[in-house]
C-alpha atoms as a PDB file:
ATOM      1  CA  MET A   1      50.777  73.911 -83.533  1.00  0.00           C
ATOM      2  CA  SER A   2      49.106  71.341 -81.446  1.00  0.00           C
ATOM      3  CA  PRO A   3      47.170  68.656 -83.455  1.00  0.00           C
ATOM      4  CA  GLY A   4      43.424  69.193 -83.892  1.00  0.00           C
ATOM      5  CA  TYR A   5      43.506  73.023 -83.985  1.00  0.00           C
ATOM      6  CA  PRO A   6      42.706  74.976 -86.851  1.00  0.00           C
ATOM      7  CA  ALA A   7      45.392  77.370 -88.803  1.00  0.00           C
ATOM      8  CA  LEU A   8      43.370  80.195 -86.930  1.00  0.00           C
ATOM      9  CA  ARG A   9      44.350  80.208 -83.394  1.00  0.00           C
ATOM     10  CA  GLN A  10      41.920  80.997 -80.367  1.00  0.00           C
ATOM     11  CA  VAL A  11      44.011  83.081 -77.992  1.00  0.00           C
ATOM     12  CA  ASP A  12      43.188  84.385 -74.482  1.00  0.00           C
ATOM     13  CA  VAL A  13      45.295  87.320 -73.606  1.00  0.00           C
ATOM     14  CA  HIS A  14      44.069  87.688 -70.000  1.00  0.00           C
ATOM     15  CA  THR A  15      44.575  84.573 -67.846  1.00  0.00           C
ATOM     16  CA  HIS A  16      46.301  83.972 -64.620  1.00  0.00           C
ATOM     17  CA  ALA A  17      48.565  81.376 -62.929  1.00  0.00           C
ATOM     18  CA  LEU A  18      50.250  80.832 -59.546  1.00  0.00           C
ATOM     19  CA  PRO A  19      52.837  78.211 -60.315  1.00  0.00           C
ATOM     20  CA  GLN A  20      53.752  75.675 -57.538  1.00  0.00           C
ATOM     21  CA  PRO A  21      57.075  77.176 -56.555  1.00  0.00           C
ATOM     22  CA  LEU A  22      55.582  80.761 -56.139  1.00  0.00           C
ATOM     23  CA  LEU A  23      52.500  79.389 -54.373  1.00  0.00           C
ATOM     24  CA  GLN A  24      54.761  77.642 -51.831  1.00  0.00           C
ATOM     25  CA  TRP A  25      56.957  80.849 -51.164  1.00  0.00           C
ATOM     26  CA  LEU A  26      53.876  83.077 -50.634  1.00  0.00           C
ATOM     27  CA  ALA A  27      52.347  80.371 -48.622  1.00  0.00           C
ATOM     28  CA  GLU A  28      55.653  80.500 -46.291  1.00  0.00           C
ATOM     29  CA  GLN A  29      55.073  84.449 -46.356  1.00  0.00           C
ATOM     30  CA  GLY A  30      51.640  84.024 -45.155  1.00  0.00           C
ATOM     31  CA  LEU A  31      50.274  85.525 -48.463  1.00  0.00           C
ATOM     32  CA  ALA A  32      48.567  82.596 -49.827  1.00  0.00           C
ATOM     33  CA  GLU A  33      46.461  79.733 -48.881  1.00  0.00           C
ATOM     34  CA  PRO A  34      47.234  76.706 -51.142  1.00  0.00           C
ATOM     35  CA  ASP A  35      43.722  75.070 -50.523  1.00  0.00           C
ATOM     36  CA  ASP A  36      41.987  78.069 -51.900  1.00  0.00           C
ATOM     37  CA  VAL A  37      43.849  78.098 -55.318  1.00  0.00           C
ATOM     38  CA  PRO A  38      42.284  76.212 -58.133  1.00  0.00           C
ATOM     39  CA  ARG A  39      44.412  73.394 -59.639  1.00  0.00           C
ATOM     40  CA  GLU A  40      44.422  75.071 -63.119  1.00  0.00           C
ATOM     41  CA  ALA A  41      46.345  77.613 -61.651  1.00  0.00           C
ATOM     42  CA  TYR A  42      49.284  75.665 -60.803  1.00  0.00           C
ATOM     43  CA  ASP A  43      48.986  72.351 -62.597  1.00  0.00           C
ATOM     44  CA  VAL A  44      49.612  72.545 -66.371  1.00  0.00           C
ATOM     45  CA  GLU A  45      47.945  69.230 -67.273  1.00  0.00           C
ATOM     46  CA  ALA A  46      44.658  70.651 -65.630  1.00  0.00           C
ATOM     47  CA  ARG A  47      45.098  73.812 -67.284  1.00  0.00           C
ATOM     48  CA  LEU A  48      45.526  72.257 -70.605  1.00  0.00           C
ATOM     49  CA  ALA A  49      42.476  70.056 -70.253  1.00  0.00           C
ATOM     50  CA  PHE A  50      40.394  73.077 -69.327  1.00  0.00           C
ATOM     51  CA  MET A  51      41.709  74.920 -72.506  1.00  0.00           C
ATOM     52  CA  ASP A  52      40.724  71.811 -74.614  1.00  0.00           C
ATOM     53  CA  GLU A  53      37.280  71.857 -73.416  1.00  0.00           C
ATOM     54  CA  ALA A  54      36.880  75.646 -73.827  1.00  0.00           C
ATOM     55  CA  GLY A  55      38.225  75.462 -77.351  1.00  0.00           C
ATOM     56  CA  VAL A  56      41.139  77.888 -76.802  1.00  0.00           C
ATOM     57  CA  GLU A  57      44.494  76.941 -78.139  1.00  0.00           C
ATOM     58  CA  VAL A  58      46.840  79.669 -76.326  1.00  0.00           C
ATOM     59  CA  HIS A  59      46.748  81.331 -73.020  1.00  0.00           C
ATOM     60  CA  ALA A  60      48.913  84.409 -72.201  1.00  0.00           C
ATOM     61  CA  VAL A  61      49.609  83.734 -68.489  1.00  0.00           C
ATOM     62  CA  SER A  62      50.466  86.091 -65.800  1.00  0.00           C
ATOM     63  CA  VAL A  63      50.734  86.395 -62.120  1.00  0.00           C
ATOM     64  CA  SER A  64      47.728  88.695 -61.032  1.00  0.00           C
ATOM     65  CA  PRO A  65      49.066  92.024 -59.791  1.00  0.00           C
ATOM     66  CA  HIS A  66      46.445  91.666 -57.054  1.00  0.00           C
ATOM     67  CA  LEU A  67      48.558  88.581 -55.483  1.00  0.00           C
ATOM     68  CA  ARG A  68      51.714  90.492 -55.950  1.00  0.00           C
ATOM     69  CA  THR A  69      50.629  93.092 -53.276  1.00  0.00           C
ATOM     70  CA  PRO A  70      51.183  96.391 -55.186  1.00  0.00           C
ATOM     71  CA  ALA A  71      50.496  98.308 -51.882  1.00  0.00           C
ATOM     72  CA  SER A  72      53.588  97.090 -50.282  1.00  0.00           C
ATOM     73  CA  PRO A  73      55.916  99.853 -49.260  1.00  0.00           C
ATOM     74  CA  ASP A  74      59.034  97.499 -49.312  1.00  0.00           C
ATOM     75  CA  ALA A  75      60.934  98.038 -52.533  1.00  0.00           C
ATOM     76  CA  GLY A  76      63.002  94.818 -51.881  1.00  0.00           C
ATOM     77  CA  PHE A  77      59.979  92.685 -51.339  1.00  0.00           C
ATOM     78  CA  VAL A  78      58.446  94.159 -54.574  1.00  0.00           C
ATOM     79  CA  ARG A  79      61.690  93.298 -56.410  1.00  0.00           C
ATOM     80  CA  GLU A  80      61.798  89.762 -55.003  1.00  0.00           C
ATOM     81  CA  LEU A  81      58.374  88.872 -55.710  1.00  0.00           C
ATOM     82  CA  ALA A  82      58.532  89.922 -59.314  1.00  0.00           C
ATOM     83  CA  ARG A  83      61.702  88.007 -59.858  1.00  0.00           C
ATOM     84  CA  ARG A  84      60.133  84.871 -58.165  1.00  0.00           C
ATOM     85  CA  SER A  85      56.865  85.108 -60.146  1.00  0.00           C
ATOM     86  CA  ASN A  86      58.747  85.431 -63.372  1.00  0.00           C
ATOM     87  CA  GLU A  87      60.929  82.698 -62.714  1.00  0.00           C
ATOM     88  CA  ALA A  88      58.038  80.498 -61.629  1.00  0.00           C
ATOM     89  CA  LEU A  89      55.963  81.762 -64.870  1.00  0.00           C
ATOM     90  CA  ALA A  90      58.843  80.856 -67.107  1.00  0.00           C
ATOM     91  CA  GLY A  91      58.936  77.198 -65.679  1.00  0.00           C
ATOM     92  CA  PHE A  92      55.204  76.943 -65.922  1.00  0.00           C
ATOM     93  CA  VAL A  93      54.856  77.894 -69.575  1.00  0.00           C
ATOM     94  CA  ALA A  94      57.935  75.702 -70.466  1.00  0.00           C
ATOM     95  CA  GLN A  95      55.976  72.656 -69.701  1.00  0.00           C
ATOM     96  CA  ALA A  96      53.539  73.484 -72.863  1.00  0.00           C
ATOM     97  CA  PRO A  97      55.380  76.168 -74.997  1.00  0.00           C
ATOM     98  CA  ASP A  98      52.899  75.813 -77.936  1.00  0.00           C
ATOM     99  CA  ARG A  99      49.920  76.314 -75.722  1.00  0.00           C
ATOM    100  CA  LEU A 100      51.222  78.960 -72.994  1.00  0.00           C
ATOM    101  CA  VAL A 101      53.098  82.161 -73.066  1.00  0.00           C
ATOM    102  CA  ALA A 102      54.154  84.394 -70.268  1.00  0.00           C
ATOM    103  CA  LEU A 103      53.528  87.989 -69.441  1.00  0.00           C
ATOM    104  CA  ALA A 104      56.060  89.293 -67.306  1.00  0.00           C
ATOM    105  CA  ALA A 105      55.523  90.733 -63.569  1.00  0.00           C
ATOM    106  CA  VAL A 106      56.761  94.203 -63.539  1.00  0.00           C
ATOM    107  CA  PRO A 107      58.105  95.634 -60.441  1.00  0.00           C
ATOM    108  CA  VAL A 108      56.045  98.907 -60.744  1.00  0.00           C
ATOM    109  CA  GLY A 109      57.539 101.811 -58.706  1.00  0.00           C
ATOM    110  CA  LEU A 110      61.103 100.820 -58.823  1.00  0.00           C
ATOM    111  CA  ALA A 111      63.542 102.710 -60.747  1.00  0.00           C
ATOM    112  CA  ASP A 112      65.355  99.634 -61.873  1.00  0.00           C
ATOM    113  CA  ALA A 113      62.175  97.723 -63.216  1.00  0.00           C
ATOM    114  CA  THR A 114      63.624  97.771 -66.698  1.00  0.00           C
ATOM    115  CA  GLU A 115      66.213  95.328 -65.505  1.00  0.00           C
ATOM    116  CA  GLU A 116      63.587  92.818 -64.549  1.00  0.00           C
ATOM    117  CA  VAL A 117      61.699  93.424 -67.666  1.00  0.00           C
ATOM    118  CA  ARG A 118      64.709  93.136 -70.071  1.00  0.00           C
ATOM    119  CA  ARG A 119      65.594  89.986 -68.317  1.00  0.00           C
ATOM    120  CA  CYS A 120      62.229  88.578 -69.049  1.00  0.00           C
ATOM    121  CA  LEU A 121      61.728  89.704 -72.607  1.00  0.00           C
ATOM    122  CA  ASP A 122      65.487  88.947 -73.783  1.00  0.00           C
ATOM    123  CA  ASP A 123      66.408  86.087 -71.528  1.00  0.00           C
ATOM    124  CA  LEU A 124      63.285  84.341 -70.733  1.00  0.00           C
ATOM    125  CA  GLY A 125      61.625  84.812 -73.935  1.00  0.00           C
ATOM    126  CA  MET A 126      58.198  86.138 -72.427  1.00  0.00           C
ATOM    127  CA  ALA A 127      55.867  87.503 -74.869  1.00  0.00           C
ATOM    128  CA  GLY A 128      54.878  90.769 -73.055  1.00  0.00           C
ATOM    129  CA  VAL A 129      54.168  92.134 -69.602  1.00  0.00           C
ATOM    130  CA  VAL A 130      51.492  92.835 -67.377  1.00  0.00           C
ATOM    131  CA  LEU A 131      51.438  96.097 -65.642  1.00  0.00           C
ATOM    132  CA  ALA A 132      49.755  97.090 -62.335  1.00  0.00           C
ATOM    133  CA  THR A 133      48.268 100.628 -62.433  1.00  0.00           C
ATOM    134  CA  ARG A 134      50.489 101.540 -59.475  1.00  0.00           C
ATOM    135  CA  GLY A 135      53.064 100.293 -57.184  1.00  0.00           C
ATOM    136  CA  LEU A 136      55.433 101.657 -54.135  1.00  0.00           C
ATOM    137  CA  GLY A 137      52.963 104.732 -54.053  1.00  0.00           C
ATOM    138  CA  ARG A 138      53.573 105.812 -57.616  1.00  0.00           C
ATOM    139  CA  ASP A 139      51.413 105.543 -60.597  1.00  0.00           C
ATOM    140  CA  LEU A 140      52.588 104.916 -64.261  1.00  0.00           C
ATOM    141  CA  THR A 141      52.923 108.511 -64.913  1.00  0.00           C
ATOM    142  CA  ASP A 142      55.630 108.931 -62.476  1.00  0.00           C
ATOM    143  CA  PRO A 143      59.017 109.825 -64.283  1.00  0.00           C
ATOM    144  CA  VAL A 144      60.653 106.832 -62.481  1.00  0.00           C
ATOM    145  CA  HIS A 145      58.728 104.853 -65.231  1.00  0.00           C
ATOM    146  CA  THR A 146      60.197 106.755 -68.108  1.00  0.00           C
ATOM    147  CA  PRO A 147      62.795 103.973 -68.862  1.00  0.00           C
ATOM    148  CA  LEU A 148      60.278 101.332 -68.493  1.00  0.00           C
ATOM    149  CA  TRP A 149      58.154 102.902 -71.341  1.00  0.00           C
ATOM    150  CA  GLU A 150      61.028 103.462 -73.523  1.00  0.00           C
ATOM    151  CA  LEU A 151      61.857  99.707 -73.010  1.00  0.00           C
ATOM    152  CA  LEU A 152      58.438  98.690 -73.809  1.00  0.00           C
ATOM    153  CA  VAL A 153      58.513 100.760 -76.858  1.00  0.00           C
ATOM    154  CA  GLN A 154      61.903  99.473 -78.208  1.00  0.00           C
ATOM    155  CA  HIS A 155      60.726  95.750 -77.613  1.00  0.00           C
ATOM    156  CA  ARG A 156      57.073  96.668 -79.050  1.00  0.00           C
ATOM    157  CA  ALA A 157      56.030  94.452 -76.234  1.00  0.00           C
ATOM    158  CA  PHE A 158      52.502  93.488 -75.648  1.00  0.00           C
ATOM    159  CA  THR A 159      51.396  95.057 -72.289  1.00  0.00           C
ATOM    160  CA  LEU A 160      48.371  94.099 -70.288  1.00  0.00           C
ATOM    161  CA  LEU A 161      47.208  96.918 -67.971  1.00  0.00           C
ATOM    162  CA  HIS A 162      45.648  95.438 -64.960  1.00  0.00           C
ATOM    163  CA  PRO A 163      43.749  97.371 -62.042  1.00  0.00           C
ATOM    164  CA  VAL A 164      44.799  96.939 -58.672  1.00  0.00           C
ATOM    165  CA  ALA A 165      42.451  98.289 -55.569  1.00  0.00           C
ATOM    166  CA  ALA A 166      43.967 101.374 -53.949  1.00  0.00           C
ATOM    167  CA  PRO A 167      44.942 100.970 -50.145  1.00  0.00           C
ATOM    168  CA  GLY A 168      41.827 100.572 -48.251  1.00  0.00           C
ATOM    169  CA  GLN A 169      39.750  99.897 -50.924  1.00  0.00           C
ATOM    170  CA  ALA A 170      38.358  96.443 -52.440  1.00  0.00           C
ATOM    171  CA  GLY A 171      35.960  94.900 -54.647  1.00  0.00           C
ATOM    172  CA  THR A 172      35.032  94.856 -58.377  1.00  0.00           C
ATOM    173  CA  LEU A 173      33.910  98.462 -58.574  1.00  0.00           C
ATOM    174  CA  ALA A 174      37.123  99.759 -57.019  1.00  0.00           C
ATOM    175  CA  ALA A 175      39.067  97.815 -59.494  1.00  0.00           C
ATOM    176  CA  ALA A 176      37.155  99.143 -62.578  1.00  0.00           C
ATOM    177  CA  VAL A 177      37.643 102.743 -61.388  1.00  0.00           C
ATOM    178  CA  ASP A 178      41.227 102.354 -60.585  1.00  0.00           C
ATOM    179  CA  LEU A 179      41.621 101.253 -64.162  1.00  0.00           C
ATOM    180  CA  ALA A 180      39.831 104.206 -65.707  1.00  0.00           C
ATOM    181  CA  THR A 181      41.567 106.585 -63.389  1.00  0.00           C
ATOM    182  CA  GLY A 182      45.020 105.003 -64.330  1.00  0.00           C
ATOM    183  CA  VAL A 183      44.311 105.486 -67.902  1.00  0.00           C
ATOM    184  CA  ALA A 184      42.897 109.095 -67.662  1.00  0.00           C
ATOM    185  CA  ALA A 185      46.366 109.891 -65.902  1.00  0.00           C
ATOM    186  CA  LEU A 186      48.244 108.390 -68.621  1.00  0.00           C
ATOM    187  CA  LEU A 187      46.218 110.122 -71.243  1.00  0.00           C
ATOM    188  CA  HIS A 188      46.298 113.551 -69.396  1.00  0.00           C
ATOM    189  CA  ALA A 189      49.930 113.281 -69.012  1.00  0.00           C
ATOM    190  CA  GLY A 190      50.900 112.495 -72.536  1.00  0.00           C
ATOM    191  CA  VAL A 191      52.065 109.137 -71.773  1.00  0.00           C
ATOM    192  CA  LEU A 192      49.754 107.535 -74.337  1.00  0.00           C
ATOM    193  CA  GLU A 193      50.847 109.914 -76.955  1.00  0.00           C
ATOM    194  CA  THR A 194      54.496 109.776 -76.340  1.00  0.00           C
ATOM    195  CA  TYR A 195      55.013 105.982 -75.989  1.00  0.00           C
ATOM    196  CA  ASP A 196      53.486 103.843 -78.918  1.00  0.00           C
ATOM    197  CA  VAL A 197      53.147 100.692 -76.950  1.00  0.00           C
ATOM    198  CA  PRO A 198      50.632  98.039 -77.793  1.00  0.00           C
ATOM    199  CA  LEU A 199      48.483  98.441 -74.509  1.00  0.00           C
ATOM    200  CA  CYS A 200      45.697  96.280 -73.769  1.00  0.00           C
ATOM    201  CA  LEU A 201      43.237  97.272 -71.041  1.00  0.00           C
ATOM    202  CA  ALA A 202      42.030  94.487 -68.763  1.00  0.00           C
ATOM    203  CA  TYR A 203      38.270  93.965 -68.026  1.00  0.00           C
ATOM    204  CA  GLY A 204      37.301  96.067 -71.163  1.00  0.00           C
ATOM    205  CA  GLY A 205      38.698  98.991 -69.886  1.00  0.00           C
ATOM    206  CA  GLY A 206      36.784  98.683 -66.490  1.00  0.00           C
ATOM    207  CA  ALA A 207      34.888 101.991 -66.067  1.00  0.00           C
ATOM    208  CA  LEU A 208      36.618 103.862 -68.813  1.00  0.00           C
ATOM    209  CA  PRO A 209      34.101 103.367 -71.649  1.00  0.00           C
ATOM    210  CA  SER A 210      31.470 104.819 -69.361  1.00  0.00           C
ATOM    211  CA  VAL A 211      33.560 108.151 -69.005  1.00  0.00           C
ATOM    212  CA  ARG A 212      35.130 108.384 -72.220  1.00  0.00           C
ATOM    213  CA  GLY A 213      32.610 111.227 -73.276  1.00  0.00           C
ATOM    214  CA  LEU A 214      33.444 113.075 -70.076  1.00  0.00           C
ATOM    215  CA  LEU A 215      37.302 112.833 -70.988  1.00  0.00           C
ATOM    216  CA  GLN A 216      36.429 114.235 -74.427  1.00  0.00           C
ATOM    217  CA  ARG A 217      34.364 117.160 -73.029  1.00  0.00           C
ATOM    218  CA  GLY A 218      37.005 117.994 -70.280  1.00  0.00           C
ATOM    219  CA  TRP A 219      39.607 118.206 -72.993  1.00  0.00           C
ATOM    220  CA  GLU A 220      37.486 120.349 -75.178  1.00  0.00           C
ATOM    221  CA  ARG A 221      36.122 122.724 -72.822  1.00  0.00           C
ATOM    222  CA  LEU A 222      37.959 122.600 -69.641  1.00  0.00           C
ATOM    223  CA  GLY A 223      41.457 122.332 -71.120  1.00  0.00           C
ATOM    224  CA  GLU A 224      42.397 118.952 -69.394  1.00  0.00           C
ATOM    225  CA  GLY A 225      45.545 117.625 -70.979  1.00  0.00           C
ATOM    226  CA  PRO A 226      46.224 120.848 -72.748  1.00  0.00           C
ATOM    227  CA  ALA A 227      49.312 119.759 -74.580  1.00  0.00           C
ATOM    228  CA  LEU A 228      47.663 116.639 -76.207  1.00  0.00           C
ATOM    229  CA  ARG A 229      48.039 116.681 -80.020  1.00  0.00           C
ATOM    230  CA  HIS A 230      45.020 114.090 -80.368  1.00  0.00           C
ATOM    231  CA  SER A 231      41.770 114.038 -78.595  1.00  0.00           C
ATOM    232  CA  PRO A 232      41.210 111.573 -75.713  1.00  0.00           C
ATOM    233  CA  LEU A 233      38.672 109.660 -77.998  1.00  0.00           C
ATOM    234  CA  ASP A 234      41.237 109.218 -80.728  1.00  0.00           C
ATOM    235  CA  GLN A 235      43.719 107.923 -78.293  1.00  0.00           C
ATOM    236  CA  LEU A 236      41.278 105.704 -76.636  1.00  0.00           C
ATOM    237  CA  ARG A 237      40.453 104.137 -80.025  1.00  0.00           C
ATOM    238  CA  ARG A 238      44.013 103.078 -80.388  1.00  0.00           C
ATOM    239  CA  LEU A 239      44.245 101.038 -77.356  1.00  0.00           C
ATOM    240  CA  PHE A 240      43.359  97.339 -77.055  1.00  0.00           C
ATOM    241  CA  TYR A 241      40.676  96.149 -74.818  1.00  0.00           C
ATOM    242  CA  ASP A 242      39.938  92.597 -73.692  1.00  0.00           C
ATOM    243  CA  THR A 243      36.594  90.998 -73.851  1.00  0.00           C
ATOM    244  CA  ALA A 244      36.317  90.354 -69.996  1.00  0.00           C
ATOM    245  CA  THR A 245      33.333  92.791 -69.519  1.00  0.00           C
ATOM    246  CA  PHE A 246      30.969  90.066 -68.503  1.00  0.00           C
ATOM    247  CA  ASP A 247      28.000  91.779 -70.334  1.00  0.00           C
ATOM    248  CA  PRO A 248      27.339  91.118 -74.034  1.00  0.00           C
ATOM    249  CA  LEU A 249      25.759  94.693 -74.523  1.00  0.00           C
ATOM    250  CA  GLN A 250      28.968  96.431 -73.163  1.00  0.00           C
ATOM    251  CA  LEU A 251      31.060  94.133 -75.323  1.00  0.00           C
ATOM    252  CA  GLN A 252      29.093  94.965 -78.427  1.00  0.00           C
ATOM    253  CA  GLN A 253      29.469  98.599 -77.589  1.00  0.00           C
ATOM    254  CA  LEU A 254      33.131  98.274 -76.897  1.00  0.00           C
ATOM    255  CA  VAL A 255      33.762  96.736 -80.606  1.00  0.00           C
ATOM    256  CA  GLU A 256      31.693  99.244 -82.014  1.00  0.00           C
ATOM    257  CA  PHE A 257      33.486 102.169 -80.333  1.00  0.00           C
ATOM    258  CA  ALA A 258      37.404 100.899 -80.782  1.00  0.00           C
ATOM    259  CA  GLY A 259      36.636  98.461 -83.706  1.00  0.00           C
ATOM    260  CA  PRO A 260      37.236  94.534 -83.791  1.00  0.00           C
ATOM    261  CA  ALA A 261      40.824  94.693 -84.457  1.00  0.00           C
ATOM    262  CA  GLN A 262      41.397  96.684 -81.107  1.00  0.00           C
ATOM    263  CA  VAL A 263      39.378  94.067 -78.962  1.00  0.00           C
ATOM    264  CA  LEU A 264      40.969  90.753 -77.814  1.00  0.00           C
ATOM    265  CA  MET A 265      39.654  87.772 -76.142  1.00  0.00           C
ATOM    266  CA  GLY A 266      40.427  87.660 -72.436  1.00  0.00           C
ATOM    267  CA  SER A 267      38.675  85.662 -69.525  1.00  0.00           C
ATOM    268  CA  ASP A 268      40.590  86.410 -66.465  1.00  0.00           C
ATOM    269  CA  TYR A 269      40.686  82.530 -65.879  1.00  0.00           C
ATOM    270  CA  PRO A 270      41.022  81.002 -63.371  1.00  0.00           C
ATOM    271  CA  ALA A 271      40.327  84.102 -60.877  1.00  0.00           C
ATOM    272  CA  PRO A 272      37.098  84.007 -59.173  1.00  0.00           C
ATOM    273  CA  LEU A 273      35.606  86.409 -61.833  1.00  0.00           C
ATOM    274  CA  GLY A 274      37.134  84.476 -64.575  1.00  0.00           C
ATOM    275  CA  ASP A 275      35.035  83.413 -67.620  1.00  0.00           C
ATOM    276  CA  ALA A 276      35.017  79.685 -68.450  1.00  0.00           C
ATOM    277  CA  ASP A 277      33.803  80.194 -71.901  1.00  0.00           C
ATOM    278  CA  PRO A 278      35.096  83.304 -73.559  1.00  0.00           C
ATOM    279  CA  ILE A 279      34.718  81.805 -77.090  1.00  0.00           C
ATOM    280  CA  GLY A 280      30.919  81.463 -76.391  1.00  0.00           C
ATOM    281  CA  VAL A 281      30.777  85.061 -75.035  1.00  0.00           C
ATOM    282  CA  VAL A 282      32.046  86.649 -78.235  1.00  0.00           C
ATOM    283  CA  GLU A 283      29.889  84.258 -80.666  1.00  0.00           C
ATOM    284  CA  ALA A 284      26.799  85.260 -78.479  1.00  0.00           C
ATOM    285  CA  CYS A 285      27.367  88.863 -79.841  1.00  0.00           C
ATOM    286  CA  GLN A 286      27.056  87.639 -83.306  1.00  0.00           C
ATOM    287  CA  PHE A 287      29.942  89.810 -84.847  1.00  0.00           C
ATOM    288  CA  GLY A 288      29.990  87.655 -88.001  1.00  0.00           C
ATOM    289  CA  PRO A 289      33.343  87.576 -89.937  1.00  0.00           C
ATOM    290  CA  VAL A 290      35.163  89.964 -87.812  1.00  0.00           C
ATOM    291  CA  GLN A 291      34.911  87.748 -84.740  1.00  0.00           C
ATOM    292  CA  GLU A 292      38.251  85.952 -85.976  1.00  0.00           C
ATOM    293  CA  MET A 293      40.016  89.364 -85.111  1.00  0.00           C
ATOM    294  CA  ILE A 294      38.731  89.119 -81.703  1.00  0.00           C
ATOM    295  CA  THR A 295      39.429  85.591 -80.860  1.00  0.00           C
ATOM    296  CA  GLY A 296      42.793  85.204 -82.444  1.00  0.00           C
ATOM    297  CA  VAL A 297      43.993  86.887 -85.296  1.00  0.00           C
ATOM    298  CA  THR A 298      44.981  90.229 -83.693  1.00  0.00           C
ATOM    299  CA  ALA A 299      46.427  88.408 -80.441  1.00  0.00           C
ATOM    300  CA  THR A 300      48.521  86.148 -82.725  1.00  0.00           C
ATOM    301  CA  SER A 301      50.240  89.197 -84.208  1.00  0.00           C
ATOM    302  CA  LEU A 302      50.635  91.096 -80.955  1.00  0.00           C
ATOM    303  CA  LEU A 303      52.221  88.083 -79.085  1.00  0.00           C
ATOM    304  CA  ARG A 304      54.200  87.158 -82.071  1.00  0.00           C
ATOM    305  CA  LEU A 305      52.874  83.569 -81.871  1.00  0.00           C
ATOM    306  CA  THR A 306      54.212  81.100 -84.477  1.00  0.00           C
ATOM    307  CA  VAL A 307      51.513  80.104 -86.967  1.00  0.00           C
END
């Protein structure tokens, strides 16, 4: 543990990075403009300085699925991009292993995605994975992903589900709806019941909390998800949610619905939407003693951090 930090860790489960080797390669492909990337995304010293200022000890770091072009139809490119992302991430977090842990990039849509995930979890020692809601025209209910879900269960791997805008769509609303649509599909297909994965929804679940009543009513009265053993509300309460709602009232309602043990601090830093003061956001809600669960206790367990 780093000097000066209490035994209780402050952990941010939703942050991003664009390490220098990956940034350079993306620039060569015409997919990134280095001048537009904040220094904290690729410079570990700058990242640690920011974390110290924010009072956060640990960042779980991933390459944003938005940058990994999930709409690409080229399977070879998707595979290569995931591999390069993970190699770069491994090098990035290795510079500060007591402060940074990596969430592996998954080549969603590929039948052999498990090979890359297994390499990251077993060989590179990553703390979990980040999943885009779709890739190569396939969502996460597609049978091609069955081995992936089985592997995540086997490893009990922390999984951050991150939205991506559908082809032809963009913006925060599209991302919020994408996440809600993706989770609803997983629910109705029985994936959430079948695979007991510690699944955390980015952005507090996006639009999902606003439609949970509709999902419940559709199951009760319209027969949506007829094979489900547990109601949509029961299943949604078993998921984890990050705090990146950017609205204190919504965050309070989320904690009231799911419980403080199911809500994890997340900032989306240093993305444009990112919150520079995630602890302050939680403190403003005045959760009292249960705040510790949100800011670090649960995440420390899920990410298997050494105390």
